[in-house]
Every structure is written in C-alpha cells, then in structure tokens.
C-alpha cells in the first residue's frame, strides 16, 4: 500500500531523499524520529491530495529508487493481506468493510477509474 511504503521509506532514507515536486518539499525533514514522524504526516497529506495516477507514479518511482531499503520483510509488511490472512482474522472476530483497490482519494478519481477501484 502506498501509505505503508511512504512510512517505511520516510523512517529509513536520508533526510531530503524523497523530493515531491508537487508540493516543493523534500522528505524526511531531518534525522530525528520526531522530524521523520512530522515528515510522514505531511507526506501523507500531500499524497492524499494528488490524483491517483500521479501518486501511483511517485510510489512506483520510489519503489525502484529506494529498492535497497525494501528487504523481503519490509515488502511483506507493506503488501495487502492475503486471503488466508483475511479468513484467519475474520474467524478471530475481525470485521472487514468496503475497500478500494489502491485507496485513492475518491473525490479526485475519474469515473472510469472510480468504477474499477470500487468493483475490483
């Protein structure tokens, strides 16, 4: 998921390594945990405000550019649940609500993309 990937990278990359031209800022703001958490909050705000296609393009770029920060365990943590995990959690009492495919800001999605996001 894009929001998990952003969190993972902000906590691991060098300060300023993630440049988002759309807002004119670089993330994380600094090396401290406090600065990285503030950076993540701001980065999530920026990403939520972008059209789905733009956000997806940024995330795809970051996945390639920062591949060395994405070991097998981190990739497992940022991926969606498997159906086996969903079934196990549901059997344990967890309830799941409606979700979209890529978690876009639905107010900024074109009609064709909206139909796909909701149907898939």
PDB file of N, CA and C in Angstrom:
ATOM      1  N   UNK A   1       0.834  -1.187   0.000  1.00  0.00           N
ATOM      2  CA  UNK A   1       0.000   0.000   0.000  1.00  0.00           C
ATOM      3  C   UNK A   1       0.877   1.249   0.000  1.00  0.00           C
ATOM      4  N   UNK A   2       0.459   2.263  -0.700  1.00  0.00           N
ATOM      5  CA  UNK A   2       1.269   3.474  -0.840  1.00  0.00           C
ATOM      6  C   UNK A   2       1.567   4.124   0.497  1.00  0.00           C
ATOM      7  N   UNK A   3       0.599   4.137   1.410  1.00  0.00           N
ATOM      8  CA  UNK A   3       0.806   4.818   2.690  1.00  0.00           C
ATOM      9  C   UNK A   3       1.790   4.064   3.567  1.00  0.00           C
ATOM     10  N   UNK A   4       1.814   2.756   3.476  1.00  0.00           N
ATOM     11  CA  UNK A   4       2.786   1.954   4.214  1.00  0.00           C
ATOM     12  C   UNK A   4       4.185   2.106   3.627  1.00  0.00           C
ATOM     13  N   UNK A   5       4.263   2.129   2.295  1.00  0.00           N
ATOM     14  CA  UNK A   5       5.556   2.324   1.650  1.00  0.00           C
ATOM     15  C   UNK A   5       6.141   3.684   2.024  1.00  0.00           C
ATOM     16  N   UNK A   6       5.310   4.721   1.991  1.00  0.00           N
ATOM     17  CA  UNK A   6       5.773   6.059   2.364  1.00  0.00           C
ATOM     18  C   UNK A   6       6.311   6.054   3.792  1.00  0.00           C
ATOM     19  N   UNK A   7       5.586   5.432   4.698  1.00  0.00           N
ATOM     20  CA  UNK A   7       6.017   5.384   6.098  1.00  0.00           C
ATOM     21  C   UNK A   7       7.344   4.642   6.226  1.00  0.00           C
ATOM     22  N   UNK A   8       7.446   3.524   5.563  1.00  0.00           N
ATOM     23  CA  UNK A   8       8.671   2.729   5.633  1.00  0.00           C
ATOM     24  C   UNK A   8       9.875   3.539   5.142  1.00  0.00           C
ATOM     25  N   UNK A   9       9.714   4.189   4.002  1.00  0.00           N
ATOM     26  CA  UNK A   9      10.824   4.934   3.434  1.00  0.00           C
ATOM     27  C   UNK A   9      11.191   6.165   4.245  1.00  0.00           C
ATOM     28  N   UNK A  10      10.196   6.909   4.713  1.00  0.00           N
ATOM     29  CA  UNK A  10      10.486   8.118   5.498  1.00  0.00           C
ATOM     30  C   UNK A  10      11.293   7.779   6.746  1.00  0.00           C
ATOM     31  N   UNK A  11      11.071   6.617   7.305  1.00  0.00           N
ATOM     32  CA  UNK A  11      11.792   6.237   8.513  1.00  0.00           C
ATOM     33  C   UNK A  11      13.194   5.695   8.215  1.00  0.00           C
ATOM     34  N   UNK A  12      13.519   5.465   6.927  1.00  0.00           N
ATOM     35  CA  UNK A  12      14.789   4.827   6.612  1.00  0.00           C
ATOM     36  C   UNK A  12      15.728   5.592   5.680  1.00  0.00           C
ATOM     37  N   UNK A  13      15.198   6.426   4.804  1.00  0.00           N
ATOM     38  CA  UNK A  13      16.073   7.100   3.834  1.00  0.00           C
ATOM     39  C   UNK A  13      16.730   8.330   4.453  1.00  0.00           C
ATOM     40  N   UNK A  14      17.743   8.831   3.778  1.00  0.00           N
ATOM     41  CA  UNK A  14      18.447  10.028   4.246  1.00  0.00           C
ATOM     42  C   UNK A  14      17.523  11.244   4.206  1.00  0.00           C
ATOM     43  N   UNK A  15      17.709  12.169   5.130  1.00  0.00           N
ATOM     44  CA  UNK A  15      16.900  13.394   5.096  1.00  0.00           C
ATOM     45  C   UNK A  15      16.957  14.058   3.715  1.00  0.00           C
ATOM     46  N   UNK A  16      15.786  14.441   3.214  1.00  0.00           N
ATOM     47  CA  UNK A  16      15.676  15.117   1.928  1.00  0.00           C
ATOM     48  C   UNK A  16      15.733  14.220   0.707  1.00  0.00           C
ATOM     49  N   UNK A  17      15.833  12.910   0.897  1.00  0.00           N
ATOM     50  CA  UNK A  17      15.991  11.991  -0.233  1.00  0.00           C
ATOM     51  C   UNK A  17      14.738  11.868  -1.101  1.00  0.00           C
ATOM     52  N   UNK A  18      13.579  12.082  -0.509  1.00  0.00           N
ATOM     53  CA  UNK A  18      12.323  11.949  -1.242  1.00  0.00           C
ATOM     54  C   UNK A  18      11.842  13.348  -1.638  1.00  0.00           C
ATOM     55  N   UNK A  19      11.988  13.693  -2.894  1.00  0.00           N
ATOM     56  CA  UNK A  19      11.575  15.013  -3.394  1.00  0.00           C
ATOM     57  C   UNK A  19      10.205  14.880  -4.052  1.00  0.00           C
ATOM     58  N   UNK A  20       9.256  15.728  -3.634  1.00  0.00           N
ATOM     59  CA  UNK A  20       7.921  15.749  -4.231  1.00  0.00           C
ATOM     60  C   UNK A  20       7.721  17.133  -4.843  1.00  0.00           C
ATOM     61  N   UNK A  21       7.912  17.205  -6.143  1.00  0.00           N
ATOM     62  CA  UNK A  21       7.819  18.480  -6.854  1.00  0.00           C
ATOM     63  C   UNK A  21       6.438  19.109  -6.715  1.00  0.00           C
ATOM     64  N   UNK A  22       5.414  18.290  -6.578  1.00  0.00           N
ATOM     65  CA  UNK A  22       4.036  18.779  -6.499  1.00  0.00           C
ATOM     66  C   UNK A  22       3.829  19.758  -5.342  1.00  0.00           C
ATOM     67  N   UNK A  23       4.617  19.603  -4.281  1.00  0.00           N
ATOM     68  CA  UNK A  23       4.477  20.486  -3.115  1.00  0.00           C
ATOM     69  C   UNK A  23       5.752  21.278  -2.855  1.00  0.00           C
ATOM     70  N   UNK A  24       6.795  21.011  -3.628  1.00  0.00           N
ATOM     71  CA  UNK A  24       8.056  21.729  -3.451  1.00  0.00           C
ATOM     72  C   UNK A  24       8.790  21.366  -2.177  1.00  0.00           C
ATOM     73  N   UNK A  25       8.561  20.167  -1.659  1.00  0.00           N
ATOM     74  CA  UNK A  25       9.215  19.748  -0.418  1.00  0.00           C
ATOM     75  C   UNK A  25       9.995  18.462  -0.618  1.00  0.00           C
ATOM     76  N   UNK A  26      10.946  18.244   0.275  1.00  0.00           N
ATOM     77  CA  UNK A  26      11.703  17.004   0.333  1.00  0.00           C
ATOM     78  C   UNK A  26      11.483  16.372   1.692  1.00  0.00           C
ATOM     79  N   UNK A  27      11.494  15.056   1.714  1.00  0.00           N
ATOM     80  CA  UNK A  27      11.223  14.297   2.933  1.00  0.00           C
ATOM     81  C   UNK A  27      12.305  13.251   3.124  1.00  0.00           C
ATOM     82  N   UNK A  28      12.575  12.821   4.334  1.00  0.00           N
ATOM     83  CA  UNK A  28      12.153  13.392   5.604  1.00  0.00           C
ATOM     84  C   UNK A  28      12.841  14.721   5.876  1.00  0.00           C
ATOM     85  N   UNK A  29      12.248  15.483   6.797  1.00  0.00           N
ATOM     86  CA  UNK A  29      12.740  16.816   7.114  1.00  0.00           C
ATOM     87  C   UNK A  29      14.092  16.775   7.829  1.00  0.00           C
ATOM     88  N   UNK A  30      14.344  15.744   8.590  1.00  0.00           N
ATOM     89  CA  UNK A  30      15.591  15.644   9.342  1.00  0.00           C
ATOM     90  C   UNK A  30      15.804  14.232   9.841  1.00  0.00           C
ATOM     91  N   UNK A  31      16.880  13.995  10.584  1.00  0.00           N
ATOM     92  CA  UNK A  31      17.233  12.639  11.005  1.00  0.00           C
ATOM     93  C   UNK A  31      16.501  12.125  12.247  1.00  0.00           C
ATOM     94  N   UNK A  32      15.952  12.996  13.061  1.00  0.00           N
ATOM     95  CA  UNK A  32      15.353  12.527  14.317  1.00  0.00           C
ATOM     96  C   UNK A  32      14.013  11.840  14.074  1.00  0.00           C
ATOM     97  N   UNK A  33      13.633  10.983  14.985  1.00  0.00           N
ATOM     98  CA  UNK A  33      12.348  10.297  14.889  1.00  0.00           C
ATOM     99  C   UNK A  33      11.210  11.311  14.873  1.00  0.00           C
ATOM    100  N   UNK A  34      11.315  12.351  15.671  1.00  0.00           N
ATOM    101  CA  UNK A  34      10.274  13.383  15.709  1.00  0.00           C
ATOM    102  C   UNK A  34      10.147  14.068  14.347  1.00  0.00           C
ATOM    103  N   UNK A  35      11.273  14.398  13.737  1.00  0.00           N
ATOM    104  CA  UNK A  35      11.250  15.040  12.418  1.00  0.00           C
ATOM    105  C   UNK A  35      10.701  14.091  11.354  1.00  0.00           C
ATOM    106  N   UNK A  36      11.060  12.832  11.448  1.00  0.00           N
ATOM    107  CA  UNK A  36      10.578  11.847  10.479  1.00  0.00           C
ATOM    108  C   UNK A  36       9.072  11.635  10.624  1.00  0.00           C
ATOM    109  N   UNK A  37       8.568  11.620  11.830  1.00  0.00           N
ATOM    110  CA  UNK A  37       7.117  11.468  12.023  1.00  0.00           C
ATOM    111  C   UNK A  37       6.358  12.678  11.497  1.00  0.00           C
ATOM    112  N   UNK A  38       6.880  13.855  11.741  1.00  0.00           N
ATOM    113  CA  UNK A  38       6.262  15.072  11.195  1.00  0.00           C
ATOM    114  C   UNK A  38       6.314  15.035   9.667  1.00  0.00           C
ATOM    115  N   UNK A  39       7.427  14.567   9.127  1.00  0.00           N
ATOM    116  CA  UNK A  39       7.581  14.441   7.682  1.00  0.00           C
ATOM    117  C   UNK A  39       6.537  13.494   7.110  1.00  0.00           C
ATOM    118  N   UNK A  40       6.357  12.378   7.775  1.00  0.00           N
ATOM    119  CA  UNK A  40       5.398  11.390   7.294  1.00  0.00           C
ATOM    120  C   UNK A  40       3.984  11.947   7.297  1.00  0.00           C
ATOM    121  N   UNK A  41       3.630  12.656   8.350  1.00  0.00           N
ATOM    122  CA  UNK A  41       2.300  13.254   8.407  1.00  0.00           C
ATOM    123  C   UNK A  41       2.096  14.205   7.222  1.00  0.00           C
ATOM    124  N   UNK A  42       3.074  15.051   6.958  1.00  0.00           N
ATOM    125  CA  UNK A  42       2.976  15.988   5.843  1.00  0.00           C
ATOM    126  C   UNK A  42       2.975  15.258   4.504  1.00  0.00           C
ATOM    127  N   UNK A  43       3.822  14.247   4.352  1.00  0.00           N
ATOM    128  CA  UNK A  43       3.879  13.496   3.101  1.00  0.00           C
ATOM    129  C   UNK A  43       2.551  12.806   2.827  1.00  0.00           C
ATOM    130  N   UNK A  44       1.947  12.221   3.843  1.00  0.00           N
ATOM    131  CA  UNK A  44       0.634  11.596   3.660  1.00  0.00           C
ATOM    132  C   UNK A  44      -0.400  12.629   3.216  1.00  0.00           C
ATOM    133  N   UNK A  45      -0.379  13.817   3.799  1.00  0.00           N
ATOM    134  CA  UNK A  45      -1.308  14.879   3.383  1.00  0.00           C
ATOM    135  C   UNK A  45      -1.109  15.213   1.911  1.00  0.00           C
ATOM    136  N   UNK A  46       0.144  15.351   1.507  1.00  0.00           N
ATOM    137  CA  UNK A  46       0.451  15.681   0.116  1.00  0.00           C
ATOM    138  C   UNK A  46      -0.030  14.569  -0.808  1.00  0.00           C
ATOM    139  N   UNK A  47       0.312  13.334  -0.479  1.00  0.00           N
ATOM    140  CA  UNK A  47      -0.054  12.209  -1.338  1.00  0.00           C
ATOM    141  C   UNK A  47      -1.564  12.029  -1.438  1.00  0.00           C
ATOM    142  N   UNK A  48      -2.275  12.231  -0.344  1.00  0.00           N
ATOM    143  CA  UNK A  48      -3.737  12.121  -0.372  1.00  0.00           C
ATOM    144  C   UNK A  48      -4.364  13.162  -1.290  1.00  0.00           C
ATOM    145  N   UNK A  49      -3.719  14.291  -1.450  1.00  0.00           N
ATOM    146  CA  UNK A  49      -4.243  15.356  -2.281  1.00  0.00           C
ATOM    147  C   UNK A  49      -3.927  15.226  -3.765  1.00  0.00           C
ATOM    148  N   UNK A  50      -3.096  14.263  -4.116  1.00  0.00           N
ATOM    149  CA  UNK A  50      -2.706  14.084  -5.513  1.00  0.00           C
ATOM    150  C   UNK A  50      -3.688  13.182  -6.252  1.00  0.00           C
ATOM    151  N   UNK A  51      -3.819  13.390  -7.552  1.00  0.00           N
ATOM    152  CA  UNK A  51      -4.597  12.437  -8.348  1.00  0.00           C
ATOM    153  C   UNK A  51      -3.988  11.042  -8.217  1.00  0.00           C
ATOM    154  N   UNK A  52      -4.824  10.027  -8.293  1.00  0.00           N
ATOM    155  CA  UNK A  52      -4.381   8.651  -8.080  1.00  0.00           C
ATOM    156  C   UNK A  52      -3.231   8.265  -9.002  1.00  0.00           C
ATOM    157  N   UNK A  53      -3.308   8.655 -10.264  1.00  0.00           N
ATOM    158  CA  UNK A  53      -2.252   8.314 -11.210  1.00  0.00           C
ATOM    159  C   UNK A  53      -0.912   8.932 -10.846  1.00  0.00           C
ATOM    160  N   UNK A  54      -0.925  10.166 -10.400  1.00  0.00           N
ATOM    161  CA  UNK A  54       0.314  10.835 -10.000  1.00  0.00           C
ATOM    162  C   UNK A  54       0.912  10.172  -8.771  1.00  0.00           C
ATOM    163  N   UNK A  55       0.059   9.889  -7.779  1.00  0.00           N
ATOM    164  CA  UNK A  55       0.533   9.222  -6.566  1.00  0.00           C
ATOM    165  C   UNK A  55       1.110   7.851  -6.916  1.00  0.00           C
ATOM    166  N   UNK A  56       0.429   7.111  -7.765  1.00  0.00           N
ATOM    167  CA  UNK A  56       0.915   5.783  -8.165  1.00  0.00           C
ATOM    168  C   UNK A  56       2.266   5.875  -8.864  1.00  0.00           C
ATOM    169  N   UNK A  57       2.439   6.901  -9.697  1.00  0.00           N
ATOM    170  CA  UNK A  57       3.720   7.083 -10.397  1.00  0.00           C
ATOM    171  C   UNK A  57       4.844   7.381  -9.410  1.00  0.00           C
ATOM    172  N   UNK A  58       4.576   8.232  -8.422  1.00  0.00           N
ATOM    173  CA  UNK A  58       5.591   8.532  -7.404  1.00  0.00           C
ATOM    174  C   UNK A  58       5.981   7.275  -6.635  1.00  0.00           C
ATOM    175  N   UNK A  59       4.982   6.517  -6.230  1.00  0.00           N
ATOM    176  CA  UNK A  59       5.231   5.300  -5.443  1.00  0.00           C
ATOM    177  C   UNK A  59       6.034   4.293  -6.272  1.00  0.00           C
ATOM    178  N   UNK A  60       5.693   4.148  -7.546  1.00  0.00           N
ATOM    179  CA  UNK A  60       6.444   3.229  -8.411  1.00  0.00           C
ATOM    180  C   UNK A  60       7.902   3.678  -8.533  1.00  0.00           C
ATOM    181  N   UNK A  61       8.105   4.979  -8.676  1.00  0.00           N
ATOM    182  CA  UNK A  61       9.467   5.521  -8.757  1.00  0.00           C
ATOM    183  C   UNK A  61      10.237   5.254  -7.464  1.00  0.00           C
ATOM    184  N   UNK A  62       9.603   5.508  -6.335  1.00  0.00           N
ATOM    185  CA  UNK A  62      10.270   5.291  -5.048  1.00  0.00           C
ATOM    186  C   UNK A  62      10.605   3.816  -4.840  1.00  0.00           C
ATOM    187  N   UNK A  63       9.727   2.938  -5.275  1.00  0.00           N
ATOM    188  CA  UNK A  63       9.972   1.502  -5.122  1.00  0.00           C
ATOM    189  C   UNK A  63      11.245   1.099  -5.848  1.00  0.00           C
ATOM    190  N   UNK A  64      11.482   1.692  -7.001  1.00  0.00           N
ATOM    191  CA  UNK A  64      12.710   1.398  -7.751  1.00  0.00           C
ATOM    192  C   UNK A  64      13.914   2.135  -7.170  1.00  0.00           C
ATOM    193  N   UNK A  65      13.761   3.427  -6.923  1.00  0.00           N
ATOM    194  CA  UNK A  65      14.896   4.245  -6.454  1.00  0.00           C
ATOM    195  C   UNK A  65      15.418   3.815  -5.095  1.00  0.00           C
ATOM    196  N   UNK A  66      14.529   3.365  -4.234  1.00  0.00           N
ATOM    197  CA  UNK A  66      14.919   3.021  -2.868  1.00  0.00           C
ATOM    198  C   UNK A  66      14.818   1.517  -2.610  1.00  0.00           C
ATOM    199  N   UNK A  67      15.036   0.727  -3.644  1.00  0.00           N
ATOM    200  CA  UNK A  67      14.908  -0.729  -3.542  1.00  0.00           C
ATOM    201  C   UNK A  67      15.789  -1.312  -2.435  1.00  0.00           C
ATOM    202  N   UNK A  68      16.947  -0.695  -2.201  1.00  0.00           N
ATOM    203  CA  UNK A  68      17.854  -1.229  -1.165  1.00  0.00           C
ATOM    204  C   UNK A  68      17.254  -1.128   0.237  1.00  0.00           C
ATOM    205  N   UNK A  69      16.237  -0.307   0.415  1.00  0.00           N
ATOM    206  CA  UNK A  69      15.562  -0.162   1.711  1.00  0.00           C
ATOM    207  C   UNK A  69      14.363  -1.086   1.840  1.00  0.00           C
ATOM    208  N   UNK A  70      14.115  -1.915   0.811  1.00  0.00           N
ATOM    209  CA  UNK A  70      12.931  -2.768   0.789  1.00  0.00           C
ATOM    210  C   UNK A  70      13.328  -4.240   0.767  1.00  0.00           C
ATOM    211  N   UNK A  71      13.749  -4.753   1.912  1.00  0.00           N
ATOM    212  CA  UNK A  71      14.089  -6.164   2.002  1.00  0.00           C
ATOM    213  C   UNK A  71      12.799  -7.000   2.025  1.00  0.00           C
ATOM    214  N   UNK A  72      12.949  -8.304   2.046  1.00  0.00           N
ATOM    215  CA  UNK A  72      11.785  -9.198   1.972  1.00  0.00           C
ATOM    216  C   UNK A  72      10.800  -8.947   3.113  1.00  0.00           C
ATOM    217  N   UNK A  73      11.293  -8.726   4.309  1.00  0.00           N
ATOM    218  CA  UNK A  73      10.405  -8.489   5.456  1.00  0.00           C
ATOM    219  C   UNK A  73       9.636  -7.188   5.304  1.00  0.00           C
ATOM    220  N   UNK A  74      10.301  -6.129   4.860  1.00  0.00           N
ATOM    221  CA  UNK A  74       9.597  -4.854   4.692  1.00  0.00           C
ATOM    222  C   UNK A  74       8.577  -4.949   3.564  1.00  0.00           C
ATOM    223  N   UNK A  75       8.890  -5.659   2.498  1.00  0.00           N
ATOM    224  CA  UNK A  75       7.923  -5.854   1.405  1.00  0.00           C
ATOM    225  C   UNK A  75       6.707  -6.629   1.900  1.00  0.00           C
ATOM    226  N   UNK A  76       6.918  -7.579   2.787  1.00  0.00           N
ATOM    227  CA  UNK A  76       5.797  -8.342   3.344  1.00  0.00           C
ATOM    228  C   UNK A  76       4.898  -7.427   4.175  1.00  0.00           C
ATOM    229  N   UNK A  77       5.499  -6.518   4.897  1.00  0.00           N
ATOM    230  CA  UNK A  77       4.725  -5.634   5.776  1.00  0.00           C
ATOM    231  C   UNK A  77       3.926  -4.574   5.024  1.00  0.00           C
ATOM    232  N   UNK A  78       4.365  -4.180   3.831  1.00  0.00           N
ATOM    233  CA  UNK A  78       3.670  -3.114   3.115  1.00  0.00           C
ATOM    234  C   UNK A  78       2.693  -3.641   2.064  1.00  0.00           C
ATOM    235  N   UNK A  79       2.552  -4.930   1.961  1.00  0.00           N
ATOM    236  CA  UNK A  79       1.639  -5.514   0.977  1.00  0.00           C
ATOM    237  C   UNK A  79       0.250  -5.711   1.587  1.00  0.00           C
ATOM    238  N   UNK A  80      -0.752  -5.897   0.727  1.00  0.00           N
ATOM    239  CA  UNK A  80      -2.094  -6.199   1.244  1.00  0.00           C
ATOM    240  C   UNK A  80      -2.113  -7.566   1.931  1.00  0.00           C
ATOM    241  N   UNK A  81      -3.115  -7.798   2.727  1.00  0.00           N
ATOM    242  CA  UNK A  81      -3.296  -9.105   3.349  1.00  0.00           C
ATOM    243  C   UNK A  81      -3.585 -10.149   2.279  1.00  0.00           C
ATOM    244  N   UNK A  82      -3.195 -11.380   2.545  1.00  0.00           N
ATOM    245  CA  UNK A  82      -3.581 -12.477   1.662  1.00  0.00           C
ATOM    246  C   UNK A  82      -4.992 -12.905   2.052  1.00  0.00           C
ATOM    247  N   UNK A  83      -5.652 -13.641   1.164  1.00  0.00           N
ATOM    248  CA  UNK A  83      -6.998 -14.120   1.505  1.00  0.00           C
ATOM    249  C   UNK A  83      -6.944 -15.055   2.709  1.00  0.00           C
ATOM    250  N   UNK A  84      -5.884 -15.850   2.837  1.00  0.00           N
ATOM    251  CA  UNK A  84      -5.753 -16.718   4.009  1.00  0.00           C
ATOM    252  C   UNK A  84      -5.686 -15.889   5.292  1.00  0.00           C
ATOM    253  N   UNK A  85      -4.947 -14.778   5.256  1.00  0.00           N
ATOM    254  CA  UNK A  85      -4.863 -13.899   6.420  1.00  0.00           C
ATOM    255  C   UNK A  85      -6.217 -13.260   6.727  1.00  0.00           C
ATOM    256  N   UNK A  86      -6.932 -12.858   5.685  1.00  0.00           N
ATOM    257  CA  UNK A  86      -8.269 -12.279   5.883  1.00  0.00           C
ATOM    258  C   UNK A  86      -9.192 -13.301   6.532  1.00  0.00           C
ATOM    259  N   UNK A  87      -9.181 -14.518   6.026  1.00  0.00           N
ATOM    260  CA  UNK A  87     -10.044 -15.568   6.591  1.00  0.00           C
ATOM    261  C   UNK A  87      -9.684 -15.869   8.041  1.00  0.00           C
ATOM    262  N   UNK A  88      -8.403 -15.917   8.330  1.00  0.00           N
ATOM    263  CA  UNK A  88      -7.945 -16.166   9.697  1.00  0.00           C
ATOM    264  C   UNK A  88      -8.392 -15.041  10.633  1.00  0.00           C
ATOM    265  N   UNK A  89      -8.233 -13.808  10.195  1.00  0.00           N
ATOM    266  CA  UNK A  89      -8.631 -12.670  11.021  1.00  0.00           C
ATOM    267  C   UNK A  89     -10.154 -12.627  11.203  1.00  0.00           C
ATOM    268  N   UNK A  90     -10.881 -12.925  10.135  1.00  0.00           N
ATOM    269  CA  UNK A  90     -12.347 -12.938  10.224  1.00  0.00           C
ATOM    270  C   UNK A  90     -12.814 -14.015  11.200  1.00  0.00           C
ATOM    271  N   UNK A  91     -12.159 -15.172  11.169  1.00  0.00           N
ATOM    272  CA  UNK A  91     -12.510 -16.243  12.103  1.00  0.00           C
ATOM    273  C   UNK A  91     -12.221 -15.826  13.541  1.00  0.00           C
ATOM    274  N   UNK A  92     -11.269 -14.914  13.719  1.00  0.00           N
ATOM    275  CA  UNK A  92     -10.925 -14.411  15.040  1.00  0.00           C
ATOM    276  C   UNK A  92     -11.780 -13.230  15.478  1.00  0.00           C
ATOM    277  N   UNK A  93     -12.749 -12.832  14.648  1.00  0.00           N
ATOM    278  CA  UNK A  93     -13.670 -11.772  15.036  1.00  0.00           C
ATOM    279  C   UNK A  93     -13.433 -10.418  14.386  1.00  0.00           C
ATOM    280  N   UNK A  94     -12.431 -10.310  13.524  1.00  0.00           N
ATOM    281  CA  UNK A  94     -12.176  -9.040  12.850  1.00  0.00           C
ATOM    282  C   UNK A  94     -13.185  -8.877  11.719  1.00  0.00           C
ATOM    283  N   UNK A  95     -13.801  -7.707  11.632  1.00  0.00           N
ATOM    284  CA  UNK A  95     -14.743  -7.418  10.558  1.00  0.00           C
ATOM    285  C   UNK A  95     -14.079  -6.522   9.531  1.00  0.00           C
ATOM    286  N   UNK A  96     -14.332  -6.793   8.267  1.00  0.00           N
ATOM    287  CA  UNK A  96     -13.759  -6.019   7.176  1.00  0.00           C
ATOM    288  C   UNK A  96     -14.863  -5.261   6.466  1.00  0.00           C
ATOM    289  N   UNK A  97     -14.586  -3.978   6.166  1.00  0.00           N
ATOM    290  CA  UNK A  97     -15.537  -3.158   5.422  1.00  0.00           C
ATOM    291  C   UNK A  97     -15.087  -2.983   3.989  1.00  0.00           C
ATOM    292  N   UNK A  98     -15.812  -2.190   3.268  1.00  0.00           N
ATOM    293  CA  UNK A  98     -15.507  -1.944   1.865  1.00  0.00           C
ATOM    294  C   UNK A  98     -14.146  -1.278   1.716  1.00  0.00           C
ATOM    295  N   UNK A  99     -13.451  -1.660   0.656  1.00  0.00           N
ATOM    296  CA  UNK A  99     -12.154  -1.083   0.328  1.00  0.00           C
ATOM    297  C   UNK A  99     -12.073  -0.864  -1.172  1.00  0.00           C
ATOM    298  N   UNK A 100     -11.193   0.005  -1.562  1.00  0.00           N
ATOM    299  CA  UNK A 100     -10.906   0.176  -2.978  1.00  0.00           C
ATOM    300  C   UNK A 100      -9.595  -0.527  -3.282  1.00  0.00           C
ATOM    301  N   UNK A 101      -9.268  -0.611  -4.562  1.00  0.00           N
ATOM    302  CA  UNK A 101      -8.060  -1.319  -4.969  1.00  0.00           C
ATOM    303  C   UNK A 101      -6.800  -0.604  -4.490  1.00  0.00           C
ATOM    304  N   UNK A 102      -6.687   0.695  -4.763  1.00  0.00           N
ATOM    305  CA  UNK A 102      -5.453   1.420  -4.467  1.00  0.00           C
ATOM    306  C   UNK A 102      -5.614   2.490  -3.402  1.00  0.00           C
ATOM    307  N   UNK A 103      -6.759   2.564  -2.759  1.00  0.00           N
ATOM    308  CA  UNK A 103      -7.039   3.568  -1.732  1.00  0.00           C
ATOM    309  C   UNK A 103      -6.855   4.995  -2.243  1.00  0.00           C
ATOM    310  N   UNK A 104      -7.452   5.321  -3.406  1.00  0.00           N
ATOM    311  CA  UNK A 104      -7.318   6.684  -3.918  1.00  0.00           C
ATOM    312  C   UNK A 104      -8.231   7.647  -3.158  1.00  0.00           C
ATOM    313  N   UNK A 105      -8.001   8.927  -3.371  1.00  0.00           N
ATOM    314  CA  UNK A 105      -8.931   9.942  -2.888  1.00  0.00           C
ATOM    315  C   UNK A 105     -10.086   9.910  -3.884  1.00  0.00           C
ATOM    316  N   UNK A 106     -11.213   9.365  -3.499  1.00  0.00           N
ATOM    317  CA  UNK A 106     -12.310   9.120  -4.435  1.00  0.00           C
ATOM    318  C   UNK A 106     -12.892  10.398  -5.032  1.00  0.00           C
ATOM    319  N   UNK A 107     -12.676  11.531  -4.391  1.00  0.00           N
ATOM    320  CA  UNK A 107     -13.179  12.789  -4.951  1.00  0.00           C
ATOM    321  C   UNK A 107     -12.331  13.264  -6.117  1.00  0.00           C
ATOM    322  N   UNK A 108     -11.171  12.638  -6.322  1.00  0.00           N
ATOM    323  CA  UNK A 108     -10.262  13.065  -7.395  1.00  0.00           C
ATOM    324  C   UNK A 108     -10.057  11.996  -8.463  1.00  0.00           C
ATOM    325  N   UNK A 109     -10.916  10.991  -8.475  1.00  0.00           N
ATOM    326  CA  UNK A 109     -10.761   9.877  -9.411  1.00  0.00           C
ATOM    327  C   UNK A 109     -11.763  10.032 -10.561  1.00  0.00           C
ATOM    328  N   UNK A 110     -11.291   9.846 -11.793  1.00  0.00           N
ATOM    329  CA  UNK A 110     -12.165   9.887 -12.965  1.00  0.00           C
ATOM    330  C   UNK A 110     -13.197   8.762 -12.873  1.00  0.00           C
ATOM    331  N   UNK A 111     -14.326   8.946 -13.508  1.00  0.00           N
ATOM    332  CA  UNK A 111     -15.429   7.984 -13.410  1.00  0.00           C
ATOM    333  C   UNK A 111     -15.016   6.563 -13.774  1.00  0.00           C
ATOM    334  N   UNK A 112     -14.258   6.392 -14.858  1.00  0.00           N
ATOM    335  CA  UNK A 112     -13.817   5.055 -15.265  1.00  0.00           C
ATOM    336  C   UNK A 112     -12.938   4.417 -14.193  1.00  0.00           C
ATOM    337  N   UNK A 113     -12.021   5.211 -13.656  1.00  0.00           N
ATOM    338  CA  UNK A 113     -11.134   4.710 -12.610  1.00  0.00           C
ATOM    339  C   UNK A 113     -11.896   4.433 -11.318  1.00  0.00           C
ATOM    340  N   UNK A 114     -12.896   5.247 -11.043  1.00  0.00           N
ATOM    341  CA  UNK A 114     -13.719   5.052  -9.844  1.00  0.00           C
ATOM    342  C   UNK A 114     -14.454   3.712  -9.923  1.00  0.00           C
ATOM    343  N   UNK A 115     -15.055   3.437 -11.067  1.00  0.00           N
ATOM    344  CA  UNK A 115     -15.767   2.167 -11.248  1.00  0.00           C
ATOM    345  C   UNK A 115     -14.834   0.978 -11.040  1.00  0.00           C
ATOM    346  N   UNK A 116     -13.616   1.067 -11.586  1.00  0.00           N
ATOM    347  CA  UNK A 116     -12.639  -0.019 -11.432  1.00  0.00           C
ATOM    348  C   UNK A 116     -12.212  -0.163  -9.978  1.00  0.00           C
ATOM    349  N   UNK A 117     -11.928   0.974  -9.329  1.00  0.00           N
ATOM    350  CA  UNK A 117     -11.467   0.952  -7.933  1.00  0.00           C
ATOM    351  C   UNK A 117     -12.507   0.322  -7.013  1.00  0.00           C
ATOM    352  N   UNK A 118     -13.773   0.586  -7.288  1.00  0.00           N
ATOM    353  CA  UNK A 118     -14.833   0.054  -6.429  1.00  0.00           C
ATOM    354  C   UNK A 118     -15.197  -1.384  -6.765  1.00  0.00           C
ATOM    355  N   UNK A 119     -15.136  -1.746  -8.043  1.00  0.00           N
ATOM    356  CA  UNK A 119     -15.530  -3.087  -8.468  1.00  0.00           C
ATOM    357  C   UNK A 119     -14.479  -4.138  -8.183  1.00  0.00           C
ATOM    358  N   UNK A 120     -13.196  -3.761  -8.345  1.00  0.00           N
ATOM    359  CA  UNK A 120     -12.135  -4.742  -8.155  1.00  0.00           C
ATOM    360  C   UNK A 120     -11.821  -4.928  -6.698  1.00  0.00           C
TER     361      UNK A 120
END
